[in-house]
C-alpha cells in the first residue's frame, strides 16, 4: 500500500545507511527525535526501490499512528502484513512509529522468520532498542540513527546553490546569500526539515517548536510504555525546567546533584535520583545527547559530569526565548551534531587540568577538536592551541572556528572554517 507524497528532497547519507543492509535478514530500525525525517527516509527507500523496478505490490507500508488501520497488537501487526504479502517474490515491509504497538518485537521477529521479506521500521524513543527488547530480535537488527538536517542538508532544503568556494550561493530567485548568514540562520532555527526555509520567521518557528516539544513530551515521555524498574516520569513542569536548564548550559560539565539543587532552589522540589530519571527520559526521546568525559592520559571514560547537547539548535533558541548571543555554545552544539551526522563518536577530552572540546573517534581514527567562535586576537589563538599542543601522540588535531580568516595549518594543527568543516568533497 503506497501513499502519494510531495516530491522528496534527497538525504543521501541516511539513504545509503538504510540501504547498506538491504535484502538481508537484519531488520533496519530508523531512530531519532520526532519530525527529524524518519518517515521521509522510508519514503526515499521506497522511491529507490521503485526506481530499480521493484513492483509496487511488493512494497507494503503501515504508519501505526493511523488508528484507522486497526492495528492494536502484535498479532494484528503480523496479520496485517501476512494478508498483503507479495505473491511473487520478496515483500518490502515499512512500519512507522512501531513503538505504538505492544508486542511489536514478537510480530517483527515472526515476520522476519516466516516471510520472504525485507523489514524497515521507525521509532521515536530509545526504549525501542533497550537491551531487554532487543533480545526479542536476537540481535537481528541494525540501527540507523537519524538527526534533523545537517548544515549541508539545510542548504539543499533551502534551495541554495553554493559557489565553488562555498562562501556564498544563490537562492531559487537568483538572490545572493552568504554562507555565514546561512549558518547564523541555521544555528538560530535549527534543522527540522518541515521548516527548513529562508521564509521561516521567528513566530513560525516558535509555533512549530512548541508543537514539537509538546508532541515529544506527551507521546514519547509522559505516555510512553515504561519498564517496571523505571521511575515514573509524571511532572511536565519539572521536565520543562530540566530541559531549559540543559539548553542554557550546553557545553558545560553537568553534575546532577547541582542540577537538582539549582532546580530545588528555583521552586522545584526534587532530588538527584529524580533528575537522573528525567534526564534519561529526555535522552530516550532524543531531545538531548550526553557527551561523556574521556581521560586522554589514562585512556578511560569518566563517569562524572558529562556535557549535554540538544538534538537541534533551534530547540535551544526556542527554549531560551530567542535571546541571541552566546553563539559560542550554540556553535559548539552545531559541531557536536555535525560529528554525529558524519558517524563520529564524540567525548569531552580531559588532560590533567586542561580540556579538549571533543575527542572524536571513527573507524579506528582519532581526532582532537577545539571549537571556538573566533580567534581574532593572538591570545585567543594561543589559548585554543595550548590544549592540543600538550597532547603528545600523533593523532589529528583540529580547531573549528566560526568567524575569521586563518592559515589552514598551525604547527600541524588544522584550522577549519565552516566552509571546510561542514562540507566534504
Protein backbone atom coordinates (compact mmCIF):
# COMPACT_ATOMS: atom_id res chain seq x y z
CA UNK A 1 0.00 0.00 0.00
CA UNK A 2 1.64 3.23 -1.17
CA UNK A 3 0.67 6.79 -0.29
CA UNK A 4 1.03 9.75 -2.62
CA UNK A 5 3.64 12.16 -1.32
CA UNK A 6 5.05 15.50 -2.31
CA UNK A 7 8.41 15.44 -4.07
CA UNK A 8 11.02 14.25 -1.61
CA UNK A 9 14.30 16.08 -1.05
CA UNK A 10 17.17 13.63 -1.02
CA UNK A 11 19.14 12.81 2.13
CA UNK A 12 21.81 10.58 0.58
CA UNK A 13 23.83 10.00 3.75
CA UNK A 14 20.91 8.38 5.53
CA UNK A 15 19.59 6.67 2.41
CA UNK A 16 22.90 4.90 1.90
CA UNK A 17 22.91 3.78 5.54
CA UNK A 18 19.37 2.45 5.28
CA UNK A 19 20.17 0.56 2.08
CA UNK A 20 23.51 -0.81 3.28
CA UNK A 21 21.83 -3.93 4.68
CA UNK A 22 19.09 -4.23 2.08
CA UNK A 23 17.83 -7.74 1.34
CA UNK A 24 19.46 -9.18 4.44
CA UNK A 25 17.97 -10.89 7.47
CA UNK A 26 18.58 -7.73 9.53
CA UNK A 27 15.66 -5.50 10.49
CA UNK A 28 16.53 -1.90 9.64
CA UNK A 29 15.48 0.29 12.61
CA UNK A 30 15.48 4.06 11.95
CA UNK A 31 15.55 6.02 15.22
CA UNK A 32 15.52 9.71 16.05
CA UNK A 33 13.53 12.57 17.51
CA UNK A 34 10.03 13.17 16.18
CA UNK A 35 9.80 15.01 12.85
CA UNK A 36 13.50 14.66 12.00
CA UNK A 37 12.62 12.89 8.75
CA UNK A 38 12.34 9.18 9.59
CA UNK A 39 9.09 8.67 7.65
CA UNK A 40 10.53 10.57 4.70
CA UNK A 41 13.59 8.33 4.79
CA UNK A 42 11.37 5.27 4.47
CA UNK A 43 9.65 7.02 1.57
CA UNK A 44 13.05 7.63 -0.03
CA UNK A 45 13.86 3.92 0.31
CA UNK A 46 10.53 3.04 -1.31
CA UNK A 47 11.21 5.55 -4.10
CA UNK A 48 14.63 4.00 -4.64
CA UNK A 49 13.14 0.51 -4.86
CA UNK A 50 10.50 1.58 -7.37
CA UNK A 51 13.17 3.29 -9.49
CA UNK A 52 15.06 -0.02 -9.58
CA UNK A 53 11.99 -1.80 -10.91
CA UNK A 54 10.63 -3.37 -7.74
CA UNK A 55 6.85 -3.70 -8.35
CA UNK A 56 4.57 -1.55 -6.22
CA UNK A 57 2.65 -4.58 -4.97
CA UNK A 58 5.88 -5.83 -3.37
CA UNK A 59 6.03 -2.73 -1.12
CA UNK A 60 3.71 -2.67 1.90
CA UNK A 61 3.61 0.16 4.46
CA UNK A 62 1.85 0.97 7.73
CA UNK A 63 2.02 4.03 9.96
CA UNK A 64 0.98 2.80 13.40
CA UNK A 65 -0.18 6.28 14.42
CA UNK A 66 -3.03 5.79 11.92
CA UNK A 67 -5.66 4.21 14.18
CA UNK A 68 -7.81 3.52 11.14
CA UNK A 69 -5.54 0.60 10.23
CA UNK A 70 -6.95 -1.32 13.17
CA UNK A 71 -3.53 -2.48 14.36
CA UNK A 72 -3.68 -2.67 18.16
CA UNK A 73 -1.44 -5.63 18.99
CA UNK A 74 1.47 -7.65 17.74
CA UNK A 75 -0.95 -10.23 16.36
CA UNK A 76 -2.79 -7.50 14.42
CA UNK A 77 0.54 -6.31 13.02
CA UNK A 78 1.52 -9.78 11.87
CA UNK A 79 -1.86 -10.46 10.27
CA UNK A 80 -1.90 -7.06 8.51
CA UNK A 81 1.29 -7.82 6.61
CA UNK A 82 0.57 -11.51 6.16
CA UNK A 83 -2.56 -10.54 4.24
CA UNK A 84 -0.58 -8.22 1.96
CA UNK A 85 2.47 -10.30 1.09
CA UNK A 86 3.72 -10.20 -2.45
CA UNK A 87 2.66 -13.41 -4.15
CA UNK A 88 5.61 -13.37 -6.49
CA UNK A 89 8.84 -12.85 -4.58
CA UNK A 90 10.13 -10.71 -1.72
CA UNK A 91 7.93 -8.22 0.14
CA UNK A 92 9.43 -4.95 1.37
CA UNK A 93 7.80 -4.04 4.70
CA UNK A 94 7.80 -0.49 6.11
CA UNK A 95 6.42 0.27 9.58
CA UNK A 96 6.32 3.80 11.04
CA UNK A 97 6.36 4.53 14.81
CA UNK A 98 6.47 0.88 15.73
CA UNK A 99 6.68 1.57 19.46
CA UNK A 100 2.95 2.39 19.36
CA UNK A 101 2.02 -1.31 19.33
CA UNK A 102 2.66 -3.52 22.32
CA UNK A 103 4.24 -6.80 21.31
CA UNK A 104 5.70 -5.41 18.09
CA UNK A 105 9.01 -7.18 18.70
CA UNK A 106 7.39 -10.64 18.66
CA UNK A 107 5.49 -9.78 15.48
CA UNK A 108 8.53 -8.40 13.66
CA UNK A 109 10.66 -11.35 14.67
CA UNK A 110 7.95 -13.74 13.48
CA UNK A 111 7.67 -11.89 10.15
CA UNK A 112 11.44 -11.94 9.74
CA UNK A 113 11.46 -15.73 10.18
CA UNK A 114 8.25 -16.69 8.34
CA UNK A 115 8.06 -14.25 5.42
CA UNK A 116 10.30 -13.69 2.41
CA UNK A 117 10.71 -10.03 3.33
CA UNK A 118 12.98 -7.06 3.97
CA UNK A 119 11.85 -5.03 7.00
CA UNK A 120 12.31 -1.30 7.74
CA UNK A 121 10.83 0.31 10.86
CA UNK A 122 10.99 3.69 12.60
CA UNK A 123 10.71 4.67 16.25
CA UNK A 124 10.86 7.86 18.29
CA UNK A 125 12.08 6.53 21.61
CA UNK A 126 15.31 4.76 22.57
CA UNK A 127 13.26 2.39 24.73
CA UNK A 128 12.53 0.78 21.36
CA UNK A 129 16.03 -0.71 21.40
CA UNK A 130 16.59 -1.17 25.12
CA UNK A 131 18.65 -4.24 25.92
CA UNK A 132 15.57 -6.03 27.19
CA UNK A 133 13.57 -5.56 23.99
CA UNK A 134 16.49 -6.07 21.62
CA UNK A 135 16.80 -9.65 22.84
CA UNK A 136 13.49 -10.45 21.17
CA UNK A 137 15.17 -9.81 17.82
CA UNK A 138 18.17 -11.93 18.83
CA UNK A 139 20.50 -9.18 17.61
CA UNK A 140 18.95 -9.36 14.15
CA UNK A 141 18.68 -5.64 13.58
CA UNK A 142 20.79 -2.68 12.54
CA UNK A 143 20.09 0.84 13.80
CA UNK A 144 20.11 3.87 11.50
CA UNK A 145 20.39 6.87 13.84
CA UNK A 146 18.81 9.94 12.32
CA UNK A 147 19.12 13.61 13.25
CA UNK A 148 17.47 16.78 11.99
CA UNK A 149 19.19 18.32 8.99
CA UNK A 150 22.93 18.82 8.99
CA UNK A 151 24.08 22.18 7.63
CA UNK A 152 24.83 20.86 4.13
CA UNK A 153 21.35 19.29 4.05
CA UNK A 154 19.80 22.52 5.31
CA UNK A 155 21.41 24.46 2.46
CA UNK A 156 19.95 21.96 -0.01
CA UNK A 157 16.48 22.09 1.59
CA UNK A 158 16.54 25.91 1.34
CA UNK A 159 17.18 25.63 -2.40
CA UNK A 160 20.61 27.27 -2.26
CA UNK A 161 23.25 26.61 -4.91
CA UNK A 162 26.68 27.34 -3.46
CA UNK A 163 29.69 28.60 -5.39
CA UNK A 164 32.85 26.52 -5.70
CA UNK A 165 34.45 28.04 -2.63
CA UNK A 166 31.19 27.60 -0.65
CA UNK A 167 31.46 31.16 0.62
CA UNK A 168 28.13 32.19 -0.94
CA UNK A 169 25.32 30.92 -3.09
CA UNK A 170 22.13 31.87 -4.86
CA UNK A 171 18.57 31.04 -3.87
CA UNK A 172 15.78 29.93 -6.20
CA UNK A 173 15.19 33.52 -7.33
CA UNK A 174 18.88 34.16 -8.05
CA UNK A 175 19.47 36.31 -4.94
CA UNK A 176 22.95 36.17 -3.41
CA UNK A 177 23.17 34.53 0.04
CA UNK A 178 26.36 34.43 2.12
CA UNK A 179 27.25 31.10 3.70
CA UNK A 180 27.99 32.83 7.01
CA UNK A 181 24.46 34.26 7.02
CA UNK A 182 23.03 30.83 6.22
CA UNK A 183 24.99 29.31 9.10
CA UNK A 184 23.75 32.01 11.51
CA UNK A 185 20.18 31.28 10.44
CA UNK A 186 20.73 27.55 10.75
CA UNK A 187 22.14 27.95 14.25
CA UNK A 188 19.13 30.03 15.31
CA UNK A 189 16.34 28.00 13.73
CA UNK A 190 17.94 24.56 13.55
CA UNK A 191 17.36 21.82 11.04
CA UNK A 192 13.84 20.45 11.40
CA UNK A 193 13.03 19.54 7.78
CA UNK A 194 9.44 20.84 7.76
CA UNK A 195 10.55 24.43 8.46
CA UNK A 196 13.91 24.49 6.68
CA UNK A 197 13.24 27.58 4.58
CA UNK A 198 14.56 31.11 4.18
CA UNK A 199 10.95 32.24 4.62
CA UNK A 200 10.61 30.85 8.15
CA UNK A 201 10.02 33.64 10.69
CA UNK A 202 10.68 33.57 14.40
CA UNK A 203 6.95 33.38 15.07
CA UNK A 204 6.52 30.45 12.68
CA UNK A 205 9.49 28.71 14.26
CA UNK A 206 8.19 29.22 17.80
CA UNK A 207 4.77 27.80 16.89
CA UNK A 208 6.35 24.76 15.27
CA UNK A 209 8.79 24.09 18.10
CA UNK A 210 6.02 24.46 20.68
CA UNK A 211 4.04 21.79 18.86
CA UNK A 212 7.11 19.56 18.50
CA UNK A 213 8.03 19.86 22.17
CA UNK A 214 4.51 19.07 23.35
CA UNK A 215 4.32 16.11 20.99
CA UNK A 216 7.59 14.65 22.26
CA UNK A 217 6.75 15.24 25.93
CA UNK A 218 3.22 13.85 25.76
CA UNK A 219 3.70 10.95 23.34
CA UNK A 220 7.26 9.86 23.91
CA UNK A 221 7.88 10.68 27.56
CA UNK A 222 4.79 11.11 29.73
CA UNK A 223 2.69 8.45 27.99
CA UNK A 224 5.38 6.04 26.87
CA UNK A 225 5.47 2.38 27.77
CA UNK A 226 7.72 2.08 30.82
CA UNK A 227 9.60 -0.78 32.33
CA UNK A 228 8.57 -1.61 35.87
CA UNK A 229 12.05 -0.72 37.11
CA UNK A 230 11.91 2.81 35.74
CA UNK A 231 10.94 5.79 37.84
CA UNK A 232 7.67 7.27 36.63
CA UNK A 233 8.02 10.47 34.62
CA UNK A 234 4.92 12.41 35.59
CA UNK A 235 5.78 16.08 36.20
CA UNK A 236 5.78 18.10 32.93
CA UNK A 237 6.80 21.30 34.75
CA UNK A 238 9.93 19.71 36.19
CA UNK A 239 10.69 18.16 32.81
CA UNK A 240 10.43 21.57 31.12
CA UNK A 241 12.66 23.20 33.73
CA UNK A 242 15.25 20.49 33.32
CA UNK A 243 15.41 20.71 29.52
CA UNK A 244 15.58 24.52 29.76
CA UNK A 245 18.45 24.20 32.24
CA UNK A 246 20.34 21.79 29.96
CA UNK A 247 19.71 24.05 26.95
CA UNK A 248 21.06 27.06 28.81
CA UNK A 249 24.13 25.09 29.92
CA UNK A 250 25.07 23.42 26.64
CA UNK A 251 28.78 22.68 26.71
CA UNK A 252 29.08 22.88 30.50
CA UNK A 253 30.02 19.90 32.64
CA UNK A 254 26.79 18.86 34.35
CA UNK A 255 26.53 17.46 37.89
CA UNK A 256 23.07 16.02 38.51
CA UNK A 257 23.45 16.86 42.21
CA UNK A 258 23.99 20.52 41.33
CA UNK A 259 21.13 20.46 38.83
CA UNK A 260 18.78 19.09 41.50
CA UNK A 261 19.98 21.74 43.96
CA UNK A 262 19.58 24.54 41.42
CA UNK A 263 16.07 23.48 40.38
CA UNK A 264 15.02 22.93 44.01
CA UNK A 265 16.15 26.43 44.94
CA UNK A 266 14.11 27.71 41.97
CA UNK A 267 10.94 26.09 43.31
CA UNK A 268 11.03 22.52 42.01
CA UNK A 269 11.45 20.23 45.00
CA UNK A 270 13.46 17.36 43.56
CA UNK A 271 16.40 15.00 44.09
CA UNK A 272 19.37 13.76 42.14
CA UNK A 273 17.63 10.44 41.50
CA UNK A 274 14.56 12.14 40.06
CA UNK A 275 16.72 14.40 37.87
CA UNK A 276 18.67 11.37 36.64
CA UNK A 277 15.42 9.63 35.64
CA UNK A 278 14.10 12.74 33.89
CA UNK A 279 17.40 13.31 32.07
CA UNK A 280 17.30 9.68 30.89
CA UNK A 281 13.75 10.24 29.60
CA UNK A 282 14.95 13.26 27.59
CA UNK A 283 17.80 11.14 26.18
CA UNK A 284 15.41 8.30 25.30
CA UNK A 285 13.20 10.76 23.38
CA UNK A 286 16.33 12.01 21.54
CA UNK A 287 15.90 15.59 22.77
CA UNK A 288 19.31 15.69 24.45
CA UNK A 289 22.56 13.80 23.96
CA UNK A 290 25.04 13.27 26.80
CA UNK A 291 28.72 13.55 25.99
CA UNK A 292 30.89 11.71 28.50
CA UNK A 293 34.36 12.79 29.53
CA UNK A 294 37.46 10.93 28.34
CA UNK A 295 40.77 10.92 30.17
CA UNK A 296 43.28 11.37 27.33
CA UNK A 297 46.22 10.37 29.53
CA UNK A 298 44.58 7.32 31.16
CA UNK A 299 42.51 6.36 28.09
CA UNK A 300 39.41 5.87 30.27
CA UNK A 301 35.80 7.04 30.03
CA UNK A 302 34.98 9.07 33.14
CA UNK A 303 31.64 8.56 34.85
CA UNK A 304 31.26 12.06 36.28
CA UNK A 305 29.98 15.39 34.96
CA UNK A 306 29.10 14.76 31.30
CA UNK A 307 28.15 17.58 28.99
CA UNK A 308 24.75 17.68 27.29
CA UNK A 309 23.91 18.85 23.77
CA UNK A 310 20.50 19.39 22.22
CA UNK A 311 19.26 17.47 19.19
CA UNK A 312 18.60 20.75 17.38
CA UNK A 313 19.97 24.24 17.97
CA UNK A 314 16.57 25.68 17.04
CA UNK A 315 15.22 23.96 20.14
CA UNK A 316 17.81 25.85 22.19
CA UNK A 317 16.68 29.17 20.65
CA UNK A 318 13.05 28.33 21.37
CA UNK A 319 13.65 27.25 24.98
CA UNK A 320 15.82 30.31 25.59
CA UNK A 321 13.27 32.78 24.25
CA UNK A 322 15.34 33.76 21.17
CA UNK A 323 17.63 35.90 23.31
CA UNK A 324 20.51 35.66 20.84
CA UNK A 325 24.09 35.96 21.99
CA UNK A 326 26.03 33.04 23.50
CA UNK A 327 26.85 31.95 19.96
CA UNK A 328 29.95 30.07 21.07
CA UNK A 329 27.85 27.48 22.91
CA UNK A 330 25.39 27.18 20.04
CA UNK A 331 28.25 26.72 17.58
CA UNK A 332 29.75 24.00 19.81
CA UNK A 333 26.38 22.23 19.79
CA UNK A 334 26.30 22.55 15.99
CA UNK A 335 29.76 20.98 15.70
CA UNK A 336 28.72 18.12 18.01
CA UNK A 337 25.71 17.37 15.80
CA UNK A 338 27.85 17.50 12.66
CA UNK A 339 30.23 14.94 14.15
CA UNK A 340 27.27 12.68 14.99
CA UNK A 341 25.89 13.13 11.46
CA UNK A 342 29.21 12.00 9.99
CA UNK A 343 29.28 8.94 12.24
CA UNK A 344 31.87 10.09 14.76
CA UNK A 345 31.62 9.11 18.43
CA UNK A 346 32.45 12.21 20.48
CA UNK A 347 33.69 12.54 24.04
CA UNK A 348 34.91 15.54 26.01
CA UNK A 349 38.68 15.29 26.36
CA UNK A 350 40.36 15.77 29.75
CA UNK A 351 44.14 16.05 30.02
CA UNK A 352 45.13 16.82 33.60
CA UNK A 353 43.84 20.36 34.26
CA UNK A 354 43.14 21.07 30.59
CA UNK A 355 40.14 20.21 28.47
CA UNK A 356 39.70 19.46 24.79
CA UNK A 357 36.21 20.12 23.49
CA UNK A 358 35.90 16.80 21.65
CA UNK A 359 37.81 13.58 21.22
CA UNK A 360 36.16 12.12 18.11
CA UNK A 361 36.63 8.51 17.01
CA UNK A 362 35.51 6.66 13.89
CA UNK A 363 36.79 3.52 12.19
CA UNK A 364 39.97 3.50 14.25
CA UNK A 365 40.68 7.18 13.58
CA UNK A 366 41.06 9.65 16.48
CA UNK A 367 40.80 13.43 16.18
CA UNK A 368 41.19 16.03 18.94
CA UNK A 369 38.96 19.04 18.29
CA UNK A 370 38.71 22.53 19.75
CA UNK A 371 35.64 24.63 18.89
CA UNK A 372 35.70 28.42 19.05
CA UNK A 373 33.57 31.28 17.77
CA UNK A 374 36.53 33.43 16.69
CA UNK A 375 40.29 33.73 17.22
CA UNK A 376 40.87 37.29 16.09
CA UNK A 377 43.28 38.09 18.91
CA UNK A 378 46.66 36.39 19.31
CA UNK A 379 45.75 35.49 22.89
CA UNK A 380 42.64 33.61 21.84
CA UNK A 381 44.54 31.68 19.19
CA UNK A 382 47.20 30.65 21.70
CA UNK A 383 44.56 29.65 24.25
CA UNK A 384 42.90 27.30 21.77
CA UNK A 385 46.19 25.86 20.54
CA UNK A 386 47.57 25.17 24.02
CA UNK A 387 45.48 22.06 24.94
CA UNK A 388 46.15 20.49 21.54
CA UNK A 389 49.88 21.17 21.72
CA UNK A 390 50.02 19.45 25.11
CA UNK A 391 48.80 16.14 23.64
CA UNK A 392 51.90 14.10 22.81
CA UNK A 393 50.53 11.45 20.48
CA UNK A 394 50.35 11.66 16.68
CA UNK A 395 46.58 11.71 16.16
CA UNK A 396 44.97 14.52 14.16
CA UNK A 397 44.24 17.84 15.83
CA UNK A 398 41.69 20.39 14.60
CA UNK A 399 40.37 23.79 15.57
CA UNK A 400 36.89 24.51 14.17
CA UNK A 401 36.24 28.25 14.15
CA UNK A 402 33.07 30.06 13.07
CA UNK A 403 34.40 33.53 12.19
CA UNK A 404 37.60 34.94 10.74
CA UNK A 405 40.31 34.02 8.26
CA UNK A 406 43.28 31.96 9.43
CA UNK A 407 46.06 29.86 7.94
CA UNK A 408 44.87 26.31 7.23
CA UNK A 409 47.54 24.82 9.48
CA UNK A 410 49.47 25.94 12.58
CA UNK A 411 52.19 23.58 13.84
CA UNK A 412 50.37 20.61 12.28
CA UNK A 413 47.03 21.63 13.80
CA UNK A 414 44.34 22.10 11.12
CA UNK A 415 42.25 25.28 11.27
CA UNK A 416 38.81 24.62 9.78
CA UNK A 417 36.33 27.37 8.98
CA UNK A 418 32.67 26.42 8.32
CA UNK A 419 33.26 26.10 4.57
CA UNK A 420 35.82 23.37 5.20
CA UNK A 421 34.25 21.65 8.22
CA UNK A 422 30.58 21.32 7.24
CA UNK A 423 31.07 20.44 3.59
CA UNK A 424 33.01 17.41 2.43
CA UNK A 425 34.38 16.95 -1.09
